[in-house]
Amino acid sequence: MWIFTRYGFFSAVCARQGSGQRSQPVDTDRIMVRARDRRHLENLIARFPDLLAGAEVKAFVGSDYPYRIFIAKSAWVAVLGTLGEELDYDNFKSEAARHRASTGAAYVHALHDVWDVMRSLERV
């Protein structure tokens, strides 16, 4: 799952059991939330200190998502629910731009690129 928020961009997938190595089976009760910018995970943890208490941003140098946290699936579901409830804007890209100090100008620029790429799916 990819999710773009005012706090940053995240890729969430089920973590693997045990050490998390590829040879381990998927743990459907644990989520690995990945980011390309460490600040994005730090923003998420700061926004949800109770739900993400103890989540440690771990660096995976050389991976496609170099920053990751591991959390219970129930915590991730609660985060997503709250993100939906706190929607109070009518234009996402503008809202993200208001938060560029914490997410970075490159994130806001990338959102416009993603918007443009996804627009190619329109069938008129």
PDB file of N, CA and C in Angstrom:
ATOM      1  N   MET A   1       0.853  -1.173   0.000  1.00  0.00           N
ATOM      2  CA  MET A   1       0.000   0.000   0.000  1.00  0.00           C
ATOM      3  C   MET A   1       0.897   1.232   0.000  1.00  0.00           C
ATOM      4  N   TRP A   2       0.615   2.114  -0.910  1.00  0.00           N
ATOM      5  CA  TRP A   2       1.269   3.417  -0.891  1.00  0.00           C
ATOM      6  C   TRP A   2       0.281   4.413  -0.326  1.00  0.00           C
ATOM      7  N   ILE A   3       0.788   5.310   0.502  1.00  0.00           N
ATOM      8  CA  ILE A   3      -0.067   6.357   1.037  1.00  0.00           C
ATOM      9  C   ILE A   3       0.712   7.668   1.056  1.00  0.00           C
ATOM     10  N   PHE A   4       0.085   8.670   0.483  1.00  0.00           N
ATOM     11  CA  PHE A   4       0.644  10.015   0.464  1.00  0.00           C
ATOM     12  C   PHE A   4      -0.159  10.841   1.459  1.00  0.00           C
ATOM     13  N   THR A   5       0.513  11.460   2.414  1.00  0.00           N
ATOM     14  CA  THR A   5      -0.154  12.234   3.452  1.00  0.00           C
ATOM     15  C   THR A   5       0.531  13.580   3.599  1.00  0.00           C
ATOM     16  N   ARG A   6      -0.054  14.435   4.421  1.00  0.00           N
ATOM     17  CA  ARG A   6       0.591  15.721   4.706  1.00  0.00           C
ATOM     18  C   ARG A   6       1.880  15.525   5.493  1.00  0.00           C
ATOM     19  N   TYR A   7       2.065  14.333   6.061  1.00  0.00           N
ATOM     20  CA  TYR A   7       3.260  14.030   6.856  1.00  0.00           C
ATOM     21  C   TYR A   7       4.364  13.398   6.028  1.00  0.00           C
ATOM     22  N   GLY A   8       4.015  12.901   4.838  1.00  0.00           N
ATOM     23  CA  GLY A   8       5.001  12.273   3.982  1.00  0.00           C
ATOM     24  C   GLY A   8       4.432  11.109   3.204  1.00  0.00           C
ATOM     25  N   PHE A   9       5.304  10.415   2.497  1.00  0.00           N
ATOM     26  CA  PHE A   9       4.962   9.272   1.653  1.00  0.00           C
ATOM     27  C   PHE A   9       5.433   7.995   2.330  1.00  0.00           C
ATOM     28  N   PHE A  10       4.534   7.001   2.326  1.00  0.00           N
ATOM     29  CA  PHE A  10       4.836   5.729   2.982  1.00  0.00           C
ATOM     30  C   PHE A  10       4.439   4.558   2.098  1.00  0.00           C
ATOM     31  N   SER A  11       5.206   3.509   2.202  1.00  0.00           N
ATOM     32  CA  SER A  11       4.854   2.231   1.595  1.00  0.00           C
ATOM     33  C   SER A  11       4.701   1.255   2.758  1.00  0.00           C
ATOM     34  N   ALA A  12       3.510   0.698   2.896  1.00  0.00           N
ATOM     35  CA  ALA A  12       3.244  -0.225   4.007  1.00  0.00           C
ATOM     36  C   ALA A  12       2.991  -1.622   3.457  1.00  0.00           C
ATOM     37  N   VAL A  13       3.680  -2.580   4.029  1.00  0.00           N
ATOM     38  CA  VAL A  13       3.526  -3.985   3.655  1.00  0.00           C
ATOM     39  C   VAL A  13       3.605  -4.829   4.920  1.00  0.00           C
ATOM     40  N   CYS A  14       3.155  -6.069   4.820  1.00  0.00           N
ATOM     41  CA  CYS A  14       3.325  -6.965   5.961  1.00  0.00           C
ATOM     42  C   CYS A  14       4.813  -7.232   6.151  1.00  0.00           C
ATOM     43  N   ALA A  15       5.221  -7.236   7.402  1.00  0.00           N
ATOM     44  CA  ALA A  15       6.613  -7.568   7.720  1.00  0.00           C
ATOM     45  C   ALA A  15       6.775  -9.086   7.641  1.00  0.00           C
ATOM     46  N   ARG A  16       7.974  -9.524   7.691  1.00  0.00           N
ATOM     47  CA  ARG A  16       8.238 -10.964   7.740  1.00  0.00           C
ATOM     48  C   ARG A  16       8.476 -11.379   9.184  1.00  0.00           C
ATOM     49  N   GLN A  17       8.247 -12.621   9.446  1.00  0.00           N
ATOM     50  CA  GLN A  17       8.416 -13.138  10.802  1.00  0.00           C
ATOM     51  C   GLN A  17       9.886 -13.152  11.202  1.00  0.00           C
ATOM     52  N   GLY A  18      10.102 -13.279  12.503  1.00  0.00           N
ATOM     53  CA  GLY A  18      11.458 -13.400  13.036  1.00  0.00           C
ATOM     54  C   GLY A  18      12.331 -12.220  12.702  1.00  0.00           C
ATOM     55  N   SER A  19      13.464 -12.498  12.094  1.00  0.00           N
ATOM     56  CA  SER A  19      14.440 -11.462  11.774  1.00  0.00           C
ATOM     57  C   SER A  19      14.017 -10.612  10.585  1.00  0.00           C
ATOM     58  N   GLY A  20      12.963 -11.015   9.896  1.00  0.00           N
ATOM     59  CA  GLY A  20      12.483 -10.244   8.757  1.00  0.00           C
ATOM     60  C   GLY A  20      13.173 -10.575   7.447  1.00  0.00           C
ATOM     61  N   GLN A  21      14.010 -11.591   7.457  1.00  0.00           N
ATOM     62  CA  GLN A  21      14.711 -11.972   6.222  1.00  0.00           C
ATOM     63  C   GLN A  21      13.719 -12.487   5.184  1.00  0.00           C
ATOM     64  N   ARG A  22      14.074 -12.350   3.915  1.00  0.00           N
ATOM     65  CA  ARG A  22      13.197 -12.781   2.821  1.00  0.00           C
ATOM     66  C   ARG A  22      12.791 -14.246   2.942  1.00  0.00           C
ATOM     67  N   SER A  23      13.603 -15.060   3.552  1.00  0.00           N
ATOM     68  CA  SER A  23      13.294 -16.487   3.674  1.00  0.00           C
ATOM     69  C   SER A  23      12.201 -16.762   4.714  1.00  0.00           C
ATOM     70  N   GLN A  24      11.876 -15.752   5.522  1.00  0.00           N
ATOM     71  CA  GLN A  24      10.863 -15.923   6.562  1.00  0.00           C
ATOM     72  C   GLN A  24       9.463 -15.699   5.984  1.00  0.00           C
ATOM     73  N   PRO A  25       8.454 -16.395   6.531  1.00  0.00           N
ATOM     74  CA  PRO A  25       7.085 -16.166   6.052  1.00  0.00           C
ATOM     75  C   PRO A  25       6.560 -14.793   6.480  1.00  0.00           C
ATOM     76  N   VAL A  26       5.547 -14.336   5.777  1.00  0.00           N
ATOM     77  CA  VAL A  26       4.921 -13.047   6.069  1.00  0.00           C
ATOM     78  C   VAL A  26       4.184 -13.131   7.402  1.00  0.00           C
ATOM     79  N   ASP A  27       4.295 -12.077   8.179  1.00  0.00           N
ATOM     80  CA  ASP A  27       3.582 -11.943   9.452  1.00  0.00           C
ATOM     81  C   ASP A  27       2.426 -10.973   9.212  1.00  0.00           C
ATOM     82  N   THR A  28       1.217 -11.489   9.080  1.00  0.00           N
ATOM     83  CA  THR A  28       0.074 -10.649   8.734  1.00  0.00           C
ATOM     84  C   THR A  28      -0.393  -9.776   9.894  1.00  0.00           C
ATOM     85  N   ASP A  29       0.219  -9.924  11.062  1.00  0.00           N
ATOM     86  CA  ASP A  29      -0.130  -9.085  12.213  1.00  0.00           C
ATOM     87  C   ASP A  29       0.866  -7.959  12.453  1.00  0.00           C
ATOM     88  N   ARG A  30       1.900  -7.880  11.610  1.00  0.00           N
ATOM     89  CA  ARG A  30       2.935  -6.864  11.789  1.00  0.00           C
ATOM     90  C   ARG A  30       3.172  -6.148  10.467  1.00  0.00           C
ATOM     91  N   ILE A  31       3.260  -4.826  10.533  1.00  0.00           N
ATOM     92  CA  ILE A  31       3.432  -3.997   9.343  1.00  0.00           C
ATOM     93  C   ILE A  31       4.813  -3.355   9.342  1.00  0.00           C
ATOM     94  N   MET A  32       5.409  -3.322   8.167  1.00  0.00           N
ATOM     95  CA  MET A  32       6.649  -2.595   7.952  1.00  0.00           C
ATOM     96  C   MET A  32       6.255  -1.348   7.167  1.00  0.00           C
ATOM     97  N   VAL A  33       6.384  -0.196   7.796  1.00  0.00           N
ATOM     98  CA  VAL A  33       6.092   1.079   7.135  1.00  0.00           C
ATOM     99  C   VAL A  33       7.430   1.622   6.655  1.00  0.00           C
ATOM    100  N   ARG A  34       7.526   1.816   5.348  1.00  0.00           N
ATOM    101  CA  ARG A  34       8.795   2.209   4.730  1.00  0.00           C
ATOM    102  C   ARG A  34       8.702   3.619   4.172  1.00  0.00           C
ATOM    103  N   ALA A  35       9.847   4.294   4.126  1.00  0.00           N
ATOM    104  CA  ALA A  35       9.899   5.648   3.572  1.00  0.00           C
ATOM    105  C   ALA A  35      11.246   5.861   2.892  1.00  0.00           C
ATOM    106  N   ARG A  36      11.258   6.796   1.985  1.00  0.00           N
ATOM    107  CA  ARG A  36      12.502   7.172   1.315  1.00  0.00           C
ATOM    108  C   ARG A  36      13.161   8.365   1.993  1.00  0.00           C
ATOM    109  N   ASP A  37      12.401   9.043   2.841  1.00  0.00           N
ATOM    110  CA  ASP A  37      12.902  10.200   3.575  1.00  0.00           C
ATOM    111  C   ASP A  37      12.650   9.949   5.061  1.00  0.00           C
ATOM    112  N   ARG A  38      13.691   9.920   5.840  1.00  0.00           N
ATOM    113  CA  ARG A  38      13.590   9.635   7.273  1.00  0.00           C
ATOM    114  C   ARG A  38      12.610  10.568   7.980  1.00  0.00           C
ATOM    115  N   ARG A  39      12.607  11.845   7.547  1.00  0.00           N
ATOM    116  CA  ARG A  39      11.719  12.829   8.180  1.00  0.00           C
ATOM    117  C   ARG A  39      10.264  12.402   8.103  1.00  0.00           C
ATOM    118  N   HIS A  40       9.880  11.727   7.046  1.00  0.00           N
ATOM    119  CA  HIS A  40       8.494  11.328   6.893  1.00  0.00           C
ATOM    120  C   HIS A  40       8.075  10.358   8.001  1.00  0.00           C
ATOM    121  N   LEU A  41       8.912   9.387   8.306  1.00  0.00           N
ATOM    122  CA  LEU A  41       8.603   8.469   9.412  1.00  0.00           C
ATOM    123  C   LEU A  41       8.651   9.197  10.755  1.00  0.00           C
ATOM    124  N   GLU A  42       9.592  10.104  10.897  1.00  0.00           N
ATOM    125  CA  GLU A  42       9.668  10.884  12.135  1.00  0.00           C
ATOM    126  C   GLU A  42       8.410  11.732  12.311  1.00  0.00           C
ATOM    127  N   ASN A  43       7.907  12.300  11.213  1.00  0.00           N
ATOM    128  CA  ASN A  43       6.655  13.071  11.271  1.00  0.00           C
ATOM    129  C   ASN A  43       5.496  12.188  11.699  1.00  0.00           C
ATOM    130  N   LEU A  44       5.436  10.974  11.158  1.00  0.00           N
ATOM    131  CA  LEU A  44       4.347  10.054  11.486  1.00  0.00           C
ATOM    132  C   LEU A  44       4.397   9.665  12.963  1.00  0.00           C
ATOM    133  N   ILE A  45       5.577   9.364  13.448  1.00  0.00           N
ATOM    134  CA  ILE A  45       5.736   9.001  14.864  1.00  0.00           C
ATOM    135  C   ILE A  45       5.364  10.184  15.757  1.00  0.00           C
ATOM    136  N   ALA A  46       5.772  11.390  15.360  1.00  0.00           N
ATOM    137  CA  ALA A  46       5.447  12.585  16.149  1.00  0.00           C
ATOM    138  C   ALA A  46       3.943  12.840  16.162  1.00  0.00           C
ATOM    139  N   ARG A  47       3.253  12.569  15.050  1.00  0.00           N
ATOM    140  CA  ARG A  47       1.809  12.795  14.978  1.00  0.00           C
ATOM    141  C   ARG A  47       1.029  11.758  15.784  1.00  0.00           C
ATOM    142  N   PHE A  48       1.547  10.540  15.872  1.00  0.00           N
ATOM    143  CA  PHE A  48       0.860   9.439  16.552  1.00  0.00           C
ATOM    144  C   PHE A  48       1.729   8.846  17.664  1.00  0.00           C
ATOM    145  N   PRO A  49       2.100   9.655  18.658  1.00  0.00           N
ATOM    146  CA  PRO A  49       3.025   9.160  19.684  1.00  0.00           C
ATOM    147  C   PRO A  49       2.463   7.992  20.500  1.00  0.00           C
ATOM    148  N   ASP A  50       1.165   7.973  20.736  1.00  0.00           N
ATOM    149  CA  ASP A  50       0.585   6.871  21.509  1.00  0.00           C
ATOM    150  C   ASP A  50       0.535   5.586  20.696  1.00  0.00           C
ATOM    151  N   LEU A  51       0.094   5.677  19.452  1.00  0.00           N
ATOM    152  CA  LEU A  51      -0.029   4.490  18.604  1.00  0.00           C
ATOM    153  C   LEU A  51       1.319   3.932  18.171  1.00  0.00           C
ATOM    154  N   LEU A  52       2.300   4.818  18.010  1.00  0.00           N
ATOM    155  CA  LEU A  52       3.611   4.394  17.491  1.00  0.00           C
ATOM    156  C   LEU A  52       4.705   4.455  18.550  1.00  0.00           C
ATOM    157  N   ALA A  53       4.302   4.467  19.811  1.00  0.00           N
ATOM    158  CA  ALA A  53       5.281   4.501  20.905  1.00  0.00           C
ATOM    159  C   ALA A  53       6.239   3.320  20.761  1.00  0.00           C
ATOM    160  N   GLY A  54       7.493   3.604  20.854  1.00  0.00           N
ATOM    161  CA  GLY A  54       8.507   2.554  20.759  1.00  0.00           C
ATOM    162  C   GLY A  54       8.933   2.230  19.335  1.00  0.00           C
ATOM    163  N   ALA A  55       8.248   2.806  18.336  1.00  0.00           N
ATOM    164  CA  ALA A  55       8.659   2.566  16.946  1.00  0.00           C
ATOM    165  C   ALA A  55       9.984   3.276  16.713  1.00  0.00           C
ATOM    166  N   GLU A  56      10.927   2.530  16.246  1.00  0.00           N
ATOM    167  CA  GLU A  56      12.273   3.055  16.001  1.00  0.00           C
ATOM    168  C   GLU A  56      12.530   3.075  14.503  1.00  0.00           C
ATOM    169  N   VAL A  57      12.950   4.228  13.993  1.00  0.00           N
ATOM    170  CA  VAL A  57      13.288   4.321  12.576  1.00  0.00           C
ATOM    171  C   VAL A  57      14.612   3.592  12.376  1.00  0.00           C
ATOM    172  N   LYS A  58      14.558   2.559  11.534  1.00  0.00           N
ATOM    173  CA  LYS A  58      15.754   1.774  11.237  1.00  0.00           C
ATOM    174  C   LYS A  58      16.203   2.069   9.814  1.00  0.00           C
ATOM    175  N   ALA A  59      17.516   2.148   9.634  1.00  0.00           N
ATOM    176  CA  ALA A  59      18.089   2.433   8.316  1.00  0.00           C
ATOM    177  C   ALA A  59      18.475   1.125   7.630  1.00  0.00           C
ATOM    178  N   PHE A  60      18.100   1.005   6.375  1.00  0.00           N
ATOM    179  CA  PHE A  60      18.437  -0.144   5.542  1.00  0.00           C
ATOM    180  C   PHE A  60      19.149   0.402   4.311  1.00  0.00           C
ATOM    181  N   VAL A  61      20.417   0.703   4.476  1.00  0.00           N
ATOM    182  CA  VAL A  61      21.215   1.321   3.421  1.00  0.00           C
ATOM    183  C   VAL A  61      21.221   0.429   2.182  1.00  0.00           C
ATOM    184  N   GLY A  62      20.998   1.066   1.039  1.00  0.00           N
ATOM    185  CA  GLY A  62      21.039   0.344  -0.221  1.00  0.00           C
ATOM    186  C   GLY A  62      19.718  -0.288  -0.631  1.00  0.00           C
ATOM    187  N   SER A  63      18.703  -0.190   0.215  1.00  0.00           N
ATOM    188  CA  SER A  63      17.403  -0.753  -0.153  1.00  0.00           C
ATOM    189  C   SER A  63      16.552   0.309  -0.846  1.00  0.00           C
ATOM    190  N   ASP A  64      15.476  -0.122  -1.482  1.00  0.00           N
ATOM    191  CA  ASP A  64      14.647   0.841  -2.204  1.00  0.00           C
ATOM    192  C   ASP A  64      13.922   1.792  -1.264  1.00  0.00           C
ATOM    193  N   TYR A  65      13.640   1.374  -0.053  1.00  0.00           N
ATOM    194  CA  TYR A  65      13.096   2.249   0.985  1.00  0.00           C
ATOM    195  C   TYR A  65      14.073   2.189   2.154  1.00  0.00           C
ATOM    196  N   PRO A  66      14.970   3.157   2.269  1.00  0.00           N
ATOM    197  CA  PRO A  66      16.041   3.042   3.250  1.00  0.00           C
ATOM    198  C   PRO A  66      15.651   3.250   4.706  1.00  0.00           C
ATOM    199  N   TYR A  67      14.409   3.691   4.980  1.00  0.00           N
ATOM    200  CA  TYR A  67      13.997   3.925   6.370  1.00  0.00           C
ATOM    201  C   TYR A  67      12.706   3.158   6.641  1.00  0.00           C
ATOM    202  N   ARG A  68      12.664   2.497   7.807  1.00  0.00           N
ATOM    203  CA  ARG A  68      11.532   1.627   8.099  1.00  0.00           C
ATOM    204  C   ARG A  68      11.211   1.618   9.585  1.00  0.00           C
ATOM    205  N   ILE A  69       9.928   1.422   9.867  1.00  0.00           N
ATOM    206  CA  ILE A  69       9.502   1.123  11.232  1.00  0.00           C
ATOM    207  C   ILE A  69       8.662  -0.136  11.166  1.00  0.00           C
ATOM    208  N   PHE A  70       8.639  -0.869  12.269  1.00  0.00           N
ATOM    209  CA  PHE A  70       7.866  -2.100  12.370  1.00  0.00           C
ATOM    210  C   PHE A  70       6.850  -1.906  13.488  1.00  0.00           C
ATOM    211  N   ILE A  71       5.558  -2.094  13.143  1.00  0.00           N
ATOM    212  CA  ILE A  71       4.494  -1.849  14.110  1.00  0.00           C
ATOM    213  C   ILE A  71       3.426  -2.932  13.987  1.00  0.00           C
ATOM    214  N   ALA A  72       2.599  -3.017  14.995  1.00  0.00           N
ATOM    215  CA  ALA A  72       1.470  -3.941  14.951  1.00  0.00           C
ATOM    216  C   ALA A  72       0.477  -3.482  13.887  1.00  0.00           C
ATOM    217  N   LYS A  73      -0.129  -4.436  13.212  1.00  0.00           N
ATOM    218  CA  LYS A  73      -1.126  -4.095  12.198  1.00  0.00           C
ATOM    219  C   LYS A  73      -2.264  -3.284  12.810  1.00  0.00           C
ATOM    220  N   SER A  74      -2.654  -3.595  14.033  1.00  0.00           N
ATOM    221  CA  SER A  74      -3.738  -2.850  14.687  1.00  0.00           C
ATOM    222  C   SER A  74      -3.377  -1.369  14.848  1.00  0.00           C
ATOM    223  N   ALA A  75      -2.111  -1.080  15.106  1.00  0.00           N
ATOM    224  CA  ALA A  75      -1.669   0.321  15.210  1.00  0.00           C
ATOM    225  C   ALA A  75      -1.763   0.999  13.850  1.00  0.00           C
ATOM    226  N   TRP A  76      -1.373   0.301  12.791  1.00  0.00           N
ATOM    227  CA  TRP A  76      -1.423   0.872  11.449  1.00  0.00           C
ATOM    228  C   TRP A  76      -2.871   1.161  11.041  1.00  0.00           C
ATOM    229  N   VAL A  77      -3.768   0.239  11.347  1.00  0.00           N
ATOM    230  CA  VAL A  77      -5.188   0.439  11.034  1.00  0.00           C
ATOM    231  C   VAL A  77      -5.715   1.669  11.772  1.00  0.00           C
ATOM    232  N   ALA A  78      -5.310   1.858  13.020  1.00  0.00           N
ATOM    233  CA  ALA A  78      -5.740   3.032  13.797  1.00  0.00           C
ATOM    234  C   ALA A  78      -5.165   4.320  13.204  1.00  0.00           C
ATOM    235  N   VAL A  79      -3.909   4.289  12.773  1.00  0.00           N
ATOM    236  CA  VAL A  79      -3.295   5.456  12.133  1.00  0.00           C
ATOM    237  C   VAL A  79      -4.082   5.822  10.870  1.00  0.00           C
ATOM    238  N   LEU A  80      -4.370   4.839  10.034  1.00  0.00           N
ATOM    239  CA  LEU A  80      -5.103   5.107   8.797  1.00  0.00           C
ATOM    240  C   LEU A  80      -6.489   5.678   9.080  1.00  0.00           C
ATOM    241  N   GLY A  81      -7.161   5.141  10.077  1.00  0.00           N
ATOM    242  CA  GLY A  81      -8.482   5.653  10.433  1.00  0.00           C
ATOM    243  C   GLY A  81      -8.427   7.104  10.873  1.00  0.00           C
ATOM    244  N   THR A  82      -7.446   7.428  11.680  1.00  0.00           N
ATOM    245  CA  THR A  82      -7.309   8.803  12.159  1.00  0.00           C
ATOM    246  C   THR A  82      -6.932   9.741  11.019  1.00  0.00           C
ATOM    247  N   LEU A  83      -6.075   9.281  10.118  1.00  0.00           N
ATOM    248  CA  LEU A  83      -5.726  10.106   8.955  1.00  0.00           C
ATOM    249  C   LEU A  83      -6.979  10.447   8.150  1.00  0.00           C
ATOM    250  N   GLY A  84      -7.859   9.485   7.986  1.00  0.00           N
ATOM    251  CA  GLY A  84      -9.109   9.741   7.282  1.00  0.00           C
ATOM    252  C   GLY A  84      -9.999  10.714   8.021  1.00  0.00           C
ATOM    253  N   GLU A  85     -10.066  10.567   9.335  1.00  0.00           N
ATOM    254  CA  GLU A  85     -10.918  11.451  10.135  1.00  0.00           C
ATOM    255  C   GLU A  85     -10.418  12.883  10.172  1.00  0.00           C
ATOM    256  N   GLU A  86      -9.108  13.085  10.036  1.00  0.00           N
ATOM    257  CA  GLU A  86      -8.582  14.442  10.155  1.00  0.00           C
ATOM    258  C   GLU A  86      -8.576  15.213   8.836  1.00  0.00           C
ATOM    259  N   LEU A  87      -9.116  14.627   7.774  1.00  0.00           N
ATOM    260  CA  LEU A  87      -9.203  15.361   6.508  1.00  0.00           C
ATOM    261  C   LEU A  87     -10.013  16.633   6.712  1.00  0.00           C
ATOM    262  N   ASP A  88      -9.395  17.770   6.404  1.00  0.00           N
ATOM    263  CA  ASP A  88     -10.060  19.069   6.577  1.00  0.00           C
ATOM    264  C   ASP A  88      -9.669  20.047   5.475  1.00  0.00           C
ATOM    265  N   TYR A  89      -9.269  19.532   4.334  1.00  0.00           N
ATOM    266  CA  TYR A  89      -8.831  20.374   3.231  1.00  0.00           C
ATOM    267  C   TYR A  89      -9.508  19.905   1.944  1.00  0.00           C
ATOM    268  N   ASP A  90      -9.521  20.781   0.936  1.00  0.00           N
ATOM    269  CA  ASP A  90     -10.165  20.421  -0.321  1.00  0.00           C
ATOM    270  C   ASP A  90      -9.188  20.244  -1.475  1.00  0.00           C
ATOM    271  N   ASN A  91      -7.882  20.371  -1.200  1.00  0.00           N
ATOM    272  CA  ASN A  91      -6.873  20.167  -2.234  1.00  0.00           C
ATOM    273  C   ASN A  91      -5.629  19.590  -1.559  1.00  0.00           C
ATOM    274  N   PHE A  92      -5.331  18.322  -1.872  1.00  0.00           N
ATOM    275  CA  PHE A  92      -4.229  17.645  -1.188  1.00  0.00           C
ATOM    276  C   PHE A  92      -2.872  18.267  -1.486  1.00  0.00           C
ATOM    277  N   LYS A  93      -2.596  18.562  -2.744  1.00  0.00           N
ATOM    278  CA  LYS A  93      -1.271  19.107  -3.072  1.00  0.00           C
ATOM    279  C   LYS A  93      -1.028  20.436  -2.365  1.00  0.00           C
ATOM    280  N   SER A  94      -2.065  21.257  -2.263  1.00  0.00           N
ATOM    281  CA  SER A  94      -1.935  22.528  -1.538  1.00  0.00           C
ATOM    282  C   SER A  94      -1.702  22.287  -0.049  1.00  0.00           C
ATOM    283  N   GLU A  95      -2.404  21.312   0.500  1.00  0.00           N
ATOM    284  CA  GLU A  95      -2.212  20.979   1.918  1.00  0.00           C
ATOM    285  C   GLU A  95      -0.791  20.488   2.164  1.00  0.00           C
ATOM    286  N   ALA A  96      -0.291  19.647   1.283  1.00  0.00           N
ATOM    287  CA  ALA A  96       1.082  19.160   1.418  1.00  0.00           C
ATOM    288  C   ALA A  96       2.078  20.319   1.337  1.00  0.00           C
ATOM    289  N   ALA A  97       1.803  21.273   0.466  1.00  0.00           N
ATOM    290  CA  ALA A  97       2.689  22.437   0.331  1.00  0.00           C
ATOM    291  C   ALA A  97       2.733  23.242   1.626  1.00  0.00           C
ATOM    292  N   ARG A  98       1.610  23.314   2.334  1.00  0.00           N
ATOM    293  CA  ARG A  98       1.597  24.018   3.623  1.00  0.00           C
ATOM    294  C   ARG A  98       2.506  23.340   4.647  1.00  0.00           C
ATOM    295  N   HIS A  99       2.774  22.067   4.473  1.00  0.00           N
ATOM    296  CA  HIS A  99       3.598  21.305   5.419  1.00  0.00           C
ATOM    297  C   HIS A  99       5.005  21.021   4.877  1.00  0.00           C
ATOM    298  N   ARG A 100       5.395  21.733   3.824  1.00  0.00           N
ATOM    299  CA  ARG A 100       6.683  21.431   3.191  1.00  0.00           C
ATOM    300  C   ARG A 100       7.879  21.630   4.113  1.00  0.00           C
ATOM    301  N   ALA A 101       7.740  22.426   5.161  1.00  0.00           N
ATOM    302  CA  ALA A 101       8.861  22.613   6.092  1.00  0.00           C
ATOM    303  C   ALA A 101       9.224  21.292   6.779  1.00  0.00           C
ATOM    304  N   SER A 102       8.239  20.436   7.000  1.00  0.00           N
ATOM    305  CA  SER A 102       8.529  19.169   7.682  1.00  0.00           C
ATOM    306  C   SER A 102       8.701  17.996   6.726  1.00  0.00           C
ATOM    307  N   THR A 103       8.212  18.124   5.492  1.00  0.00           N
ATOM    308  CA  THR A 103       8.316  17.011   4.548  1.00  0.00           C
ATOM    309  C   THR A 103       9.354  17.243   3.463  1.00  0.00           C
ATOM    310  N   GLY A 104       9.653  18.511   3.190  1.00  0.00           N
ATOM    311  CA  GLY A 104      10.626  18.847   2.164  1.00  0.00           C
ATOM    312  C   GLY A 104       9.971  19.291   0.871  1.00  0.00           C
ATOM    313  N   ALA A 105      10.576  20.262   0.236  1.00  0.00           N
ATOM    314  CA  ALA A 105      10.051  20.782  -1.030  1.00  0.00           C
ATOM    315  C   ALA A 105      10.069  19.711  -2.116  1.00  0.00           C
ATOM    316  N   ALA A 106      11.037  18.808  -2.058  1.00  0.00           N
ATOM    317  CA  ALA A 106      11.117  17.743  -3.071  1.00  0.00           C
ATOM    318  C   ALA A 106       9.878  16.849  -3.017  1.00  0.00           C
ATOM    319  N   TYR A 107       9.343  16.630  -1.815  1.00  0.00           N
ATOM    320  CA  TYR A 107       8.128  15.818  -1.668  1.00  0.00           C
ATOM    321  C   TYR A 107       6.958  16.490  -2.372  1.00  0.00           C
ATOM    322  N   VAL A 108       6.799  17.769  -2.160  1.00  0.00           N
ATOM    323  CA  VAL A 108       5.700  18.505  -2.791  1.00  0.00           C
ATOM    324  C   VAL A 108       5.845  18.459  -4.310  1.00  0.00           C
ATOM    325  N   HIS A 109       7.055  18.638  -4.797  1.00  0.00           N
ATOM    326  CA  HIS A 109       7.298  18.564  -6.243  1.00  0.00           C
ATOM    327  C   HIS A 109       6.963  17.165  -6.762  1.00  0.00           C
ATOM    328  N   ALA A 110       7.366  16.135  -6.032  1.00  0.00           N
ATOM    329  CA  ALA A 110       7.093  14.759  -6.452  1.00  0.00           C
ATOM    330  C   ALA A 110       5.590  14.481  -6.502  1.00  0.00           C
ATOM    331  N   LEU A 111       4.825  15.086  -5.595  1.00  0.00           N
ATOM    332  CA  LEU A 111       3.373  14.895  -5.619  1.00  0.00           C
ATOM    333  C   LEU A 111       2.773  15.377  -6.938  1.00  0.00           C
ATOM    334  N   HIS A 112       3.288  16.485  -7.443  1.00  0.00           N
ATOM    335  CA  HIS A 112       2.799  16.998  -8.732  1.00  0.00           C
ATOM    336  C   HIS A 112       3.164  16.031  -9.858  1.00  0.00           C
ATOM    337  N   ASP A 113       4.350  15.451  -9.769  1.00  0.00           N
ATOM    338  CA  ASP A 113       4.753  14.468 -10.778  1.00  0.00           C
ATOM    339  C   ASP A 113       3.860  13.224 -10.724  1.00  0.00           C
ATOM    340  N   VAL A 114       3.579  12.744  -9.525  1.00  0.00           N
ATOM    341  CA  VAL A 114       2.706  11.575  -9.364  1.00  0.00           C
ATOM    342  C   VAL A 114       1.313  11.897  -9.908  1.00  0.00           C
ATOM    343  N   TRP A 115       0.799  13.070  -9.565  1.00  0.00           N
ATOM    344  CA  TRP A 115      -0.518  13.480 -10.061  1.00  0.00           C
ATOM    345  C   TRP A 115      -0.554  13.419 -11.584  1.00  0.00           C
ATOM    346  N   ASP A 116       0.505  13.926 -12.215  1.00  0.00           N
ATOM    347  CA  ASP A 116       0.558  13.965 -13.669  1.00  0.00           C
ATOM    348  C   ASP A 116       0.627  12.550 -14.252  1.00  0.00           C
ATOM    349  N   VAL A 117       1.432  11.683 -13.674  1.00  0.00           N
ATOM    350  CA  VAL A 117       1.531  10.305 -14.153  1.00  0.00           C
ATOM    351  C   VAL A 117       0.194   9.591 -14.017  1.00  0.00           C
ATOM    352  N   MET A 118      -0.460   9.748 -12.867  1.00  0.00           N
ATOM    353  CA  MET A 118      -1.733   9.064 -12.639  1.00  0.00           C
ATOM    354  C   MET A 118      -2.841   9.625 -13.520  1.00  0.00           C
ATOM    355  N   ARG A 119      -2.715  10.859 -13.936  1.00  0.00           N
ATOM    356  CA  ARG A 119      -3.707  11.454 -14.833  1.00  0.00           C
ATOM    357  C   ARG A 119      -3.755  10.706 -16.162  1.00  0.00           C
ATOM    358  N   SER A 120      -2.653  10.069 -16.512  1.00  0.00           N
ATOM    359  CA  SER A 120      -2.610   9.317 -17.777  1.00  0.00           C
ATOM    360  C   SER A 120      -3.556   8.114 -17.760  1.00  0.00           C
ATOM    361  N   LEU A 121      -4.068   7.748 -16.590  1.00  0.00           N
ATOM    362  CA  LEU A 121      -5.021   6.631 -16.502  1.00  0.00           C
ATOM    363  C   LEU A 121      -6.433   7.045 -16.892  1.00  0.00           C
ATOM    364  N   GLU A 122      -6.688   8.343 -16.965  1.00  0.00           N
ATOM    365  CA  GLU A 122      -8.027   8.814 -17.318  1.00  0.00           C
ATOM    366  C   GLU A 122      -8.417   8.319 -18.703  1.00  0.00           C
ATOM    367  N   ARG A 123      -9.659   7.888 -18.779  1.00  0.00           N
ATOM    368  CA  ARG A 123     -10.188   7.473 -20.083  1.00  0.00           C
ATOM    369  C   ARG A 123     -11.367   8.372 -20.392  1.00  0.00           C
ATOM    370  N   VAL A 124     -11.184   9.192 -21.371  1.00  0.00           N
ATOM    371  CA  VAL A 124     -12.218  10.156 -21.718  1.00  0.00           C
ATOM    372  C   VAL A 124     -13.047   9.652 -22.883  1.00  0.00           C
TER     373      VAL A 124
END
